[in-house]
Amino acid sequence: MSESSVCCNNCIINFRKYVNGDALKRKALALHQASGDSTSFTASDGWLQKFKKRHGISHRKITGCAQKVPEHANMLATVFYSDVKKAIDTYGK
């Protein structure tokens, strides 16, 4: 399993881990550079917005009030992990 797959897997296992947009953009740039792809890629705000929409990621404010994790969170995480793994397997080599 590649380092990026392990990273994504760890984020899914620790489902409540806070990840902001800048962290996602930095990871996307690192994955692109690691892939050896020679095409130009910019992790812009527009790219991030489309990425979050495509994968059903939304901004949630952490409050002192406990929020219930959606019942289908495990399924969403599994699908997301599968999609990321396919992308890494396809483009990350």
PDB file of N, CA and C in Angstrom:
ATOM      1  N   MET A   1       0.859  -1.191   0.000  1.00  0.00           N
ATOM      2  CA  MET A   1       0.000   0.000   0.000  1.00  0.00           C
ATOM      3  C   MET A   1       0.893   1.238   0.000  1.00  0.00           C
ATOM      4  N   SER A   2       0.595   2.196  -0.851  1.00  0.00           N
ATOM      5  CA  SER A   2       1.428   3.394  -0.956  1.00  0.00           C
ATOM      6  C   SER A   2       1.253   4.289   0.266  1.00  0.00           C
ATOM      7  N   GLU A   3       2.221   5.206   0.436  1.00  0.00           N
ATOM      8  CA  GLU A   3       2.170   6.131   1.567  1.00  0.00           C
ATOM      9  C   GLU A   3       0.902   6.980   1.540  1.00  0.00           C
ATOM     10  N   SER A   4       0.493   7.411   0.328  1.00  0.00           N
ATOM     11  CA  SER A   4      -0.713   8.237   0.222  1.00  0.00           C
ATOM     12  C   SER A   4      -1.962   7.438   0.570  1.00  0.00           C
ATOM     13  N   SER A   5      -1.985   6.135   0.211  1.00  0.00           N
ATOM     14  CA  SER A   5      -3.121   5.291   0.565  1.00  0.00           C
ATOM     15  C   SER A   5      -3.207   5.128   2.072  1.00  0.00           C
ATOM     16  N   VAL A   6      -2.044   4.943   2.702  1.00  0.00           N
ATOM     17  CA  VAL A   6      -2.011   4.797   4.159  1.00  0.00           C
ATOM     18  C   VAL A   6      -2.508   6.073   4.819  1.00  0.00           C
ATOM     19  N   CYS A   7      -2.093   7.222   4.288  1.00  0.00           N
ATOM     20  CA  CYS A   7      -2.524   8.510   4.839  1.00  0.00           C
ATOM     21  C   CYS A   7      -4.038   8.647   4.752  1.00  0.00           C
ATOM     22  N   CYS A   8      -4.605   8.352   3.587  1.00  0.00           N
ATOM     23  CA  CYS A   8      -6.054   8.440   3.414  1.00  0.00           C
ATOM     24  C   CYS A   8      -6.762   7.457   4.332  1.00  0.00           C
ATOM     25  N   ASN A   9      -6.218   6.251   4.444  1.00  0.00           N
ATOM     26  CA  ASN A   9      -6.807   5.242   5.306  1.00  0.00           C
ATOM     27  C   ASN A   9      -6.802   5.713   6.758  1.00  0.00           C
ATOM     28  N   ASN A  10      -5.702   6.323   7.196  1.00  0.00           N
ATOM     29  CA  ASN A  10      -5.623   6.819   8.568  1.00  0.00           C
ATOM     30  C   ASN A  10      -6.632   7.930   8.806  1.00  0.00           C
ATOM     31  N   CYS A  11      -6.847   8.792   7.807  1.00  0.00           N
ATOM     32  CA  CYS A  11      -7.844   9.865   7.946  1.00  0.00           C
ATOM     33  C   CYS A  11      -9.248   9.271   8.087  1.00  0.00           C
ATOM     34  N   ILE A  12      -9.513   8.183   7.372  1.00  0.00           N
ATOM     35  CA  ILE A  12     -10.824   7.554   7.447  1.00  0.00           C
ATOM     36  C   ILE A  12     -11.005   6.845   8.780  1.00  0.00           C
ATOM     37  N   ILE A  13      -9.968   6.162   9.236  1.00  0.00           N
ATOM     38  CA  ILE A  13     -10.053   5.472  10.532  1.00  0.00           C
ATOM     39  C   ILE A  13     -10.300   6.494  11.635  1.00  0.00           C
ATOM     40  N   ASN A  14      -9.600   7.614  11.576  1.00  0.00           N
ATOM     41  CA  ASN A  14      -9.780   8.692  12.548  1.00  0.00           C
ATOM     42  C   ASN A  14     -10.793   9.678  11.984  1.00  0.00           C
ATOM     43  N   PHE A  15     -12.013   9.214  11.736  1.00  0.00           N
ATOM     44  CA  PHE A  15     -13.030   9.944  10.982  1.00  0.00           C
ATOM     45  C   PHE A  15     -13.287  11.339  11.515  1.00  0.00           C
ATOM     46  N   ARG A  16     -13.084  11.544  12.800  1.00  0.00           N
ATOM     47  CA  ARG A  16     -13.390  12.846  13.387  1.00  0.00           C
ATOM     48  C   ARG A  16     -12.221  13.817  13.305  1.00  0.00           C
ATOM     49  N   LYS A  17     -11.157  13.431  12.640  1.00  0.00           N
ATOM     50  CA  LYS A  17      -9.980  14.277  12.533  1.00  0.00           C
ATOM     51  C   LYS A  17     -10.310  15.517  11.707  1.00  0.00           C
ATOM     52  N   TYR A  18      -9.880  16.671  12.189  1.00  0.00           N
ATOM     53  CA  TYR A  18     -10.149  17.935  11.510  1.00  0.00           C
ATOM     54  C   TYR A  18      -9.136  18.153  10.395  1.00  0.00           C
ATOM     55  N   VAL A  19      -9.617  18.375   9.205  1.00  0.00           N
ATOM     56  CA  VAL A  19      -8.770  18.676   8.055  1.00  0.00           C
ATOM     57  C   VAL A  19      -9.336  19.915   7.380  1.00  0.00           C
ATOM     58  N   ASN A  20      -8.490  20.925   7.202  1.00  0.00           N
ATOM     59  CA  ASN A  20      -8.991  22.138   6.556  1.00  0.00           C
ATOM     60  C   ASN A  20      -8.650  22.148   5.074  1.00  0.00           C
ATOM     61  N   GLY A  21      -9.165  23.134   4.364  1.00  0.00           N
ATOM     62  CA  GLY A  21      -8.979  23.226   2.926  1.00  0.00           C
ATOM     63  C   GLY A  21      -7.523  23.363   2.524  1.00  0.00           C
ATOM     64  N   ASP A  22      -6.753  24.136   3.296  1.00  0.00           N
ATOM     65  CA  ASP A  22      -5.339  24.305   2.972  1.00  0.00           C
ATOM     66  C   ASP A  22      -4.591  22.977   3.073  1.00  0.00           C
ATOM     67  N   ALA A  23      -4.937  22.163   4.067  1.00  0.00           N
ATOM     68  CA  ALA A  23      -4.297  20.854   4.218  1.00  0.00           C
ATOM     69  C   ALA A  23      -4.641  19.953   3.033  1.00  0.00           C
ATOM     70  N   LEU A  24      -5.895  19.986   2.582  1.00  0.00           N
ATOM     71  CA  LEU A  24      -6.285  19.189   1.417  1.00  0.00           C
ATOM     72  C   LEU A  24      -5.535  19.636   0.166  1.00  0.00           C
ATOM     73  N   LYS A  25      -5.390  20.949  -0.010  1.00  0.00           N
ATOM     74  CA  LYS A  25      -4.687  21.461  -1.183  1.00  0.00           C
ATOM     75  C   LYS A  25      -3.205  21.080  -1.138  1.00  0.00           C
ATOM     76  N   ARG A  26      -2.585  21.182   0.057  1.00  0.00           N
ATOM     77  CA  ARG A  26      -1.172  20.794   0.180  1.00  0.00           C
ATOM     78  C   ARG A  26      -0.989  19.311  -0.145  1.00  0.00           C
ATOM     79  N   LYS A  27      -1.902  18.460   0.345  1.00  0.00           N
ATOM     80  CA  LYS A  27      -1.794  17.023   0.087  1.00  0.00           C
ATOM     81  C   LYS A  27      -1.999  16.733  -1.400  1.00  0.00           C
ATOM     82  N   ALA A  28      -2.934  17.424  -2.043  1.00  0.00           N
ATOM     83  CA  ALA A  28      -3.174  17.222  -3.472  1.00  0.00           C
ATOM     84  C   ALA A  28      -1.934  17.589  -4.277  1.00  0.00           C
ATOM     85  N   LEU A  29      -1.294  18.706  -3.927  1.00  0.00           N
ATOM     86  CA  LEU A  29      -0.073  19.113  -4.623  1.00  0.00           C
ATOM     87  C   LEU A  29       1.041  18.091  -4.406  1.00  0.00           C
ATOM     88  N   ALA A  30       1.168  17.601  -3.181  1.00  0.00           N
ATOM     89  CA  ALA A  30       2.203  16.604  -2.881  1.00  0.00           C
ATOM     90  C   ALA A  30       1.948  15.316  -3.659  1.00  0.00           C
ATOM     91  N   LEU A  31       0.697  14.870  -3.721  1.00  0.00           N
ATOM     92  CA  LEU A  31       0.367  13.661  -4.475  1.00  0.00           C
ATOM     93  C   LEU A  31       0.645  13.850  -5.967  1.00  0.00           C
ATOM     94  N   HIS A  32       0.331  15.036  -6.480  1.00  0.00           N
ATOM     95  CA  HIS A  32       0.581  15.308  -7.893  1.00  0.00           C
ATOM     96  C   HIS A  32       2.088  15.275  -8.187  1.00  0.00           C
ATOM     97  N   GLN A  33       2.871  15.905  -7.321  1.00  0.00           N
ATOM     98  CA  GLN A  33       4.322  15.912  -7.513  1.00  0.00           C
ATOM     99  C   GLN A  33       4.890  14.505  -7.399  1.00  0.00           C
ATOM    100  N   ALA A  34       4.389  13.728  -6.431  1.00  0.00           N
ATOM    101  CA  ALA A  34       4.876  12.357  -6.218  1.00  0.00           C
ATOM    102  C   ALA A  34       4.502  11.444  -7.381  1.00  0.00           C
ATOM    103  N   SER A  35       3.429  11.781  -8.085  1.00  0.00           N
ATOM    104  CA  SER A  35       2.977  10.932  -9.181  1.00  0.00           C
ATOM    105  C   SER A  35       3.913  11.018 -10.387  1.00  0.00           C
ATOM    106  N   GLY A  36       4.713  12.073 -10.446  1.00  0.00           N
ATOM    107  CA  GLY A  36       5.606  12.249 -11.577  1.00  0.00           C
ATOM    108  C   GLY A  36       4.905  12.770 -12.818  1.00  0.00           C
ATOM    109  N   ASP A  37       3.649  13.144 -12.686  1.00  0.00           N
ATOM    110  CA  ASP A  37       2.878  13.681 -13.810  1.00  0.00           C
ATOM    111  C   ASP A  37       3.473  15.026 -14.224  1.00  0.00           C
ATOM    112  N   SER A  38       3.742  15.204 -15.495  1.00  0.00           N
ATOM    113  CA  SER A  38       4.382  16.430 -15.969  1.00  0.00           C
ATOM    114  C   SER A  38       3.377  17.535 -16.302  1.00  0.00           C
ATOM    115  N   THR A  39       2.083  17.240 -16.208  1.00  0.00           N
ATOM    116  CA  THR A  39       1.090  18.273 -16.516  1.00  0.00           C
ATOM    117  C   THR A  39       1.019  19.281 -15.374  1.00  0.00           C
ATOM    118  N   SER A  40       0.574  20.473 -15.716  1.00  0.00           N
ATOM    119  CA  SER A  40       0.443  21.544 -14.742  1.00  0.00           C
ATOM    120  C   SER A  40      -0.775  21.283 -13.851  1.00  0.00           C
ATOM    121  N   PHE A  41      -0.611  21.490 -12.555  1.00  0.00           N
ATOM    122  CA  PHE A  41      -1.729  21.321 -11.621  1.00  0.00           C
ATOM    123  C   PHE A  41      -1.626  22.396 -10.561  1.00  0.00           C
ATOM    124  N   THR A  42      -2.720  23.074 -10.333  1.00  0.00           N
ATOM    125  CA  THR A  42      -2.806  24.072  -9.272  1.00  0.00           C
ATOM    126  C   THR A  42      -3.985  23.717  -8.391  1.00  0.00           C
ATOM    127  N   ALA A  43      -3.722  23.528  -7.121  1.00  0.00           N
ATOM    128  CA  ALA A  43      -4.798  23.225  -6.178  1.00  0.00           C
ATOM    129  C   ALA A  43      -5.432  24.556  -5.759  1.00  0.00           C
ATOM    130  N   SER A  44      -6.218  25.103  -6.650  1.00  0.00           N
ATOM    131  CA  SER A  44      -6.842  26.410  -6.420  1.00  0.00           C
ATOM    132  C   SER A  44      -8.081  26.265  -5.540  1.00  0.00           C
ATOM    133  N   ASP A  45      -8.632  27.395  -5.148  1.00  0.00           N
ATOM    134  CA  ASP A  45      -9.869  27.371  -4.371  1.00  0.00           C
ATOM    135  C   ASP A  45     -10.998  26.735  -5.179  1.00  0.00           C
ATOM    136  N   GLY A  46     -11.026  27.003  -6.490  1.00  0.00           N
ATOM    137  CA  GLY A  46     -12.039  26.397  -7.358  1.00  0.00           C
ATOM    138  C   GLY A  46     -11.896  24.890  -7.417  1.00  0.00           C
ATOM    139  N   TRP A  47     -10.636  24.405  -7.521  1.00  0.00           N
ATOM    140  CA  TRP A  47     -10.389  22.958  -7.523  1.00  0.00           C
ATOM    141  C   TRP A  47     -10.887  22.352  -6.215  1.00  0.00           C
ATOM    142  N   LEU A  48     -10.562  23.009  -5.090  1.00  0.00           N
ATOM    143  CA  LEU A  48     -10.961  22.492  -3.783  1.00  0.00           C
ATOM    144  C   LEU A  48     -12.484  22.429  -3.665  1.00  0.00           C
ATOM    145  N   GLN A  49     -13.160  23.470  -4.111  1.00  0.00           N
ATOM    146  CA  GLN A  49     -14.627  23.504  -4.045  1.00  0.00           C
ATOM    147  C   GLN A  49     -15.228  22.346  -4.847  1.00  0.00           C
ATOM    148  N   LYS A  50     -14.722  22.118  -6.056  1.00  0.00           N
ATOM    149  CA  LYS A  50     -15.237  21.027  -6.885  1.00  0.00           C
ATOM    150  C   LYS A  50     -14.895  19.662  -6.286  1.00  0.00           C
ATOM    151  N   PHE A  51     -13.684  19.527  -5.723  1.00  0.00           N
ATOM    152  CA  PHE A  51     -13.275  18.278  -5.088  1.00  0.00           C
ATOM    153  C   PHE A  51     -14.201  17.945  -3.919  1.00  0.00           C
ATOM    154  N   LYS A  52     -14.473  18.954  -3.084  1.00  0.00           N
ATOM    155  CA  LYS A  52     -15.344  18.732  -1.924  1.00  0.00           C
ATOM    156  C   LYS A  52     -16.765  18.378  -2.368  1.00  0.00           C
ATOM    157  N   LYS A  53     -17.257  19.032  -3.401  1.00  0.00           N
ATOM    158  CA  LYS A  53     -18.600  18.733  -3.900  1.00  0.00           C
ATOM    159  C   LYS A  53     -18.660  17.321  -4.470  1.00  0.00           C
ATOM    160  N   ARG A  54     -17.640  16.953  -5.256  1.00  0.00           N
ATOM    161  CA  ARG A  54     -17.584  15.638  -5.890  1.00  0.00           C
ATOM    162  C   ARG A  54     -17.552  14.511  -4.853  1.00  0.00           C
ATOM    163  N   HIS A  55     -16.907  14.755  -3.713  1.00  0.00           N
ATOM    164  CA  HIS A  55     -16.751  13.717  -2.698  1.00  0.00           C
ATOM    165  C   HIS A  55     -17.661  13.916  -1.479  1.00  0.00           C
ATOM    166  N   GLY A  56     -18.594  14.871  -1.561  1.00  0.00           N
ATOM    167  CA  GLY A  56     -19.557  15.064  -0.481  1.00  0.00           C
ATOM    168  C   GLY A  56     -18.923  15.546   0.812  1.00  0.00           C
ATOM    169  N   ILE A  57     -17.859  16.345   0.694  1.00  0.00           N
ATOM    170  CA  ILE A  57     -17.175  16.878   1.872  1.00  0.00           C
ATOM    171  C   ILE A  57     -17.738  18.265   2.145  1.00  0.00           C
ATOM    172  N   SER A  58     -18.093  18.513   3.392  1.00  0.00           N
ATOM    173  CA  SER A  58     -18.632  19.824   3.727  1.00  0.00           C
ATOM    174  C   SER A  58     -17.891  20.402   4.929  1.00  0.00           C
ATOM    175  N   HIS A  59     -17.938  21.707   5.023  1.00  0.00           N
ATOM    176  CA  HIS A  59     -17.307  22.418   6.129  1.00  0.00           C
ATOM    177  C   HIS A  59     -18.241  22.357   7.340  1.00  0.00           C
ATOM    178  N   ARG A  60     -17.725  21.876   8.421  1.00  0.00           N
ATOM    179  CA  ARG A  60     -18.509  21.824   9.662  1.00  0.00           C
ATOM    180  C   ARG A  60     -17.737  22.526  10.749  1.00  0.00           C
ATOM    181  N   LYS A  61     -18.401  23.379  11.465  1.00  0.00           N
ATOM    182  CA  LYS A  61     -17.774  24.058  12.588  1.00  0.00           C
ATOM    183  C   LYS A  61     -17.829  23.139  13.802  1.00  0.00           C
ATOM    184  N   ILE A  62     -16.687  22.972  14.457  1.00  0.00           N
ATOM    185  CA  ILE A  62     -16.638  22.153  15.658  1.00  0.00           C
ATOM    186  C   ILE A  62     -17.144  23.009  16.809  1.00  0.00           C
ATOM    187  N   THR A  63     -18.141  22.507  17.497  1.00  0.00           N
ATOM    188  CA  THR A  63     -18.729  23.237  18.618  1.00  0.00           C
ATOM    189  C   THR A  63     -18.599  22.405  19.881  1.00  0.00           C
ATOM    190  N   GLY A  64     -18.967  23.006  20.998  1.00  0.00           N
ATOM    191  CA  GLY A  64     -18.936  22.288  22.265  1.00  0.00           C
ATOM    192  C   GLY A  64     -20.045  21.249  22.342  1.00  0.00           C
ATOM    193  N   CYS A  65     -21.044  21.407  21.510  1.00  0.00           N
ATOM    194  CA  CYS A  65     -22.159  20.471  21.481  1.00  0.00           C
ATOM    195  C   CYS A  65     -21.781  19.255  20.655  1.00  0.00           C
ATOM    196  N   ALA A  66     -22.031  18.091  21.163  1.00  0.00           N
ATOM    197  CA  ALA A  66     -21.718  16.877  20.407  1.00  0.00           C
ATOM    198  C   ALA A  66     -22.649  16.766  19.205  1.00  0.00           C
ATOM    199  N   GLN A  67     -22.078  16.415  18.079  1.00  0.00           N
ATOM    200  CA  GLN A  67     -22.874  16.213  16.880  1.00  0.00           C
ATOM    201  C   GLN A  67     -22.844  14.741  16.535  1.00  0.00           C
ATOM    202  N   LYS A  68     -23.979  14.217  16.148  1.00  0.00           N
ATOM    203  CA  LYS A  68     -24.053  12.813  15.768  1.00  0.00           C
ATOM    204  C   LYS A  68     -23.389  12.610  14.412  1.00  0.00           C
ATOM    205  N   VAL A  69     -22.655  11.524  14.314  1.00  0.00           N
ATOM    206  CA  VAL A  69     -22.083  11.127  13.030  1.00  0.00           C
ATOM    207  C   VAL A  69     -23.218  10.496  12.230  1.00  0.00           C
ATOM    208  N   PRO A  70     -23.380  10.884  10.968  1.00  0.00           N
ATOM    209  CA  PRO A  70     -24.458  10.295  10.168  1.00  0.00           C
ATOM    210  C   PRO A  70     -24.367   8.770  10.147  1.00  0.00           C
ATOM    211  N   GLU A  71     -25.517   8.112  10.107  1.00  0.00           N
ATOM    212  CA  GLU A  71     -25.556   6.652  10.128  1.00  0.00           C
ATOM    213  C   GLU A  71     -24.789   6.046   8.960  1.00  0.00           C
ATOM    214  N   HIS A  72     -24.765   6.731   7.835  1.00  0.00           N
ATOM    215  CA  HIS A  72     -24.100   6.195   6.656  1.00  0.00           C
ATOM    216  C   HIS A  72     -22.657   6.701   6.510  1.00  0.00           C
ATOM    217  N   ALA A  73     -22.073   7.217   7.590  1.00  0.00           N
ATOM    218  CA  ALA A  73     -20.712   7.756   7.530  1.00  0.00           C
ATOM    219  C   ALA A  73     -19.692   6.697   7.139  1.00  0.00           C
ATOM    220  N   ASN A  74     -19.833   5.488   7.666  1.00  0.00           N
ATOM    221  CA  ASN A  74     -18.880   4.424   7.313  1.00  0.00           C
ATOM    222  C   ASN A  74     -18.941   4.111   5.825  1.00  0.00           C
ATOM    223  N   MET A  75     -20.148   4.074   5.275  1.00  0.00           N
ATOM    224  CA  MET A  75     -20.307   3.805   3.850  1.00  0.00           C
ATOM    225  C   MET A  75     -19.678   4.934   3.027  1.00  0.00           C
ATOM    226  N   LEU A  76     -19.907   6.188   3.417  1.00  0.00           N
ATOM    227  CA  LEU A  76     -19.319   7.334   2.713  1.00  0.00           C
ATOM    228  C   LEU A  76     -17.792   7.270   2.771  1.00  0.00           C
ATOM    229  N   ALA A  77     -17.252   6.942   3.938  1.00  0.00           N
ATOM    230  CA  ALA A  77     -15.798   6.847   4.091  1.00  0.00           C
ATOM    231  C   ALA A  77     -15.236   5.720   3.235  1.00  0.00           C
ATOM    232  N   THR A  78     -15.931   4.599   3.184  1.00  0.00           N
ATOM    233  CA  THR A  78     -15.476   3.460   2.383  1.00  0.00           C
ATOM    234  C   THR A  78     -15.471   3.804   0.900  1.00  0.00           C
ATOM    235  N   VAL A  79     -16.525   4.447   0.435  1.00  0.00           N
ATOM    236  CA  VAL A  79     -16.611   4.842  -0.973  1.00  0.00           C
ATOM    237  C   VAL A  79     -15.522   5.859  -1.299  1.00  0.00           C
ATOM    238  N   PHE A  80     -15.345   6.842  -0.413  1.00  0.00           N
ATOM    239  CA  PHE A  80     -14.314   7.861  -0.620  1.00  0.00           C
ATOM    240  C   PHE A  80     -12.932   7.203  -0.683  1.00  0.00           C
ATOM    241  N   TYR A  81     -12.642   6.303   0.253  1.00  0.00           N
ATOM    242  CA  TYR A  81     -11.347   5.608   0.277  1.00  0.00           C
ATOM    243  C   TYR A  81     -11.142   4.835  -1.026  1.00  0.00           C
ATOM    244  N   SER A  82     -12.174   4.158  -1.472  1.00  0.00           N
ATOM    245  CA  SER A  82     -12.087   3.383  -2.702  1.00  0.00           C
ATOM    246  C   SER A  82     -11.788   4.285  -3.900  1.00  0.00           C
ATOM    247  N   ASP A  83     -12.474   5.427  -3.974  1.00  0.00           N
ATOM    248  CA  ASP A  83     -12.252   6.373  -5.079  1.00  0.00           C
ATOM    249  C   ASP A  83     -10.832   6.937  -5.051  1.00  0.00           C
ATOM    250  N   VAL A  84     -10.365   7.294  -3.855  1.00  0.00           N
ATOM    251  CA  VAL A  84      -9.016   7.845  -3.732  1.00  0.00           C
ATOM    252  C   VAL A  84      -7.983   6.783  -4.092  1.00  0.00           C
ATOM    253  N   LYS A  85      -8.183   5.557  -3.623  1.00  0.00           N
ATOM    254  CA  LYS A  85      -7.249   4.468  -3.922  1.00  0.00           C
ATOM    255  C   LYS A  85      -7.192   4.211  -5.429  1.00  0.00           C
ATOM    256  N   LYS A  86      -8.355   4.213  -6.094  1.00  0.00           N
ATOM    257  CA  LYS A  86      -8.373   4.026  -7.556  1.00  0.00           C
ATOM    258  C   LYS A  86      -7.599   5.135  -8.255  1.00  0.00           C
ATOM    259  N   ALA A  87      -7.801   6.373  -7.807  1.00  0.00           N
ATOM    260  CA  ALA A  87      -7.108   7.508  -8.417  1.00  0.00           C
ATOM    261  C   ALA A  87      -5.602   7.398  -8.194  1.00  0.00           C
ATOM    262  N   ILE A  88      -5.206   6.995  -6.996  1.00  0.00           N
ATOM    263  CA  ILE A  88      -3.778   6.850  -6.700  1.00  0.00           C
ATOM    264  C   ILE A  88      -3.192   5.713  -7.535  1.00  0.00           C
ATOM    265  N   ASP A  89      -3.912   4.601  -7.614  1.00  0.00           N
ATOM    266  CA  ASP A  89      -3.436   3.461  -8.407  1.00  0.00           C
ATOM    267  C   ASP A  89      -3.329   3.825  -9.886  1.00  0.00           C
ATOM    268  N   THR A  90      -4.272   4.646 -10.371  1.00  0.00           N
ATOM    269  CA  THR A  90      -4.297   5.008 -11.787  1.00  0.00           C
ATOM    270  C   THR A  90      -3.268   6.103 -12.109  1.00  0.00           C
ATOM    271  N   TYR A  91      -3.238   7.156 -11.302  1.00  0.00           N
ATOM    272  CA  TYR A  91      -2.432   8.311 -11.643  1.00  0.00           C
ATOM    273  C   TYR A  91      -1.178   8.465 -10.787  1.00  0.00           C
ATOM    274  N   GLY A  92      -1.086   7.707  -9.711  1.00  0.00           N
ATOM    275  CA  GLY A  92       0.015   7.907  -8.764  1.00  0.00           C
ATOM    276  C   GLY A  92       1.278   7.147  -9.089  1.00  0.00           C
ATOM    277  N   LYS A  93       1.302   6.456 -10.195  1.00  0.00           N
ATOM    278  CA  LYS A  93       2.494   5.662 -10.513  1.00  0.00           C
ATOM    279  C   LYS A  93       3.365   6.378 -11.505  1.00  0.00           C
TER     280      LYS A  93
END
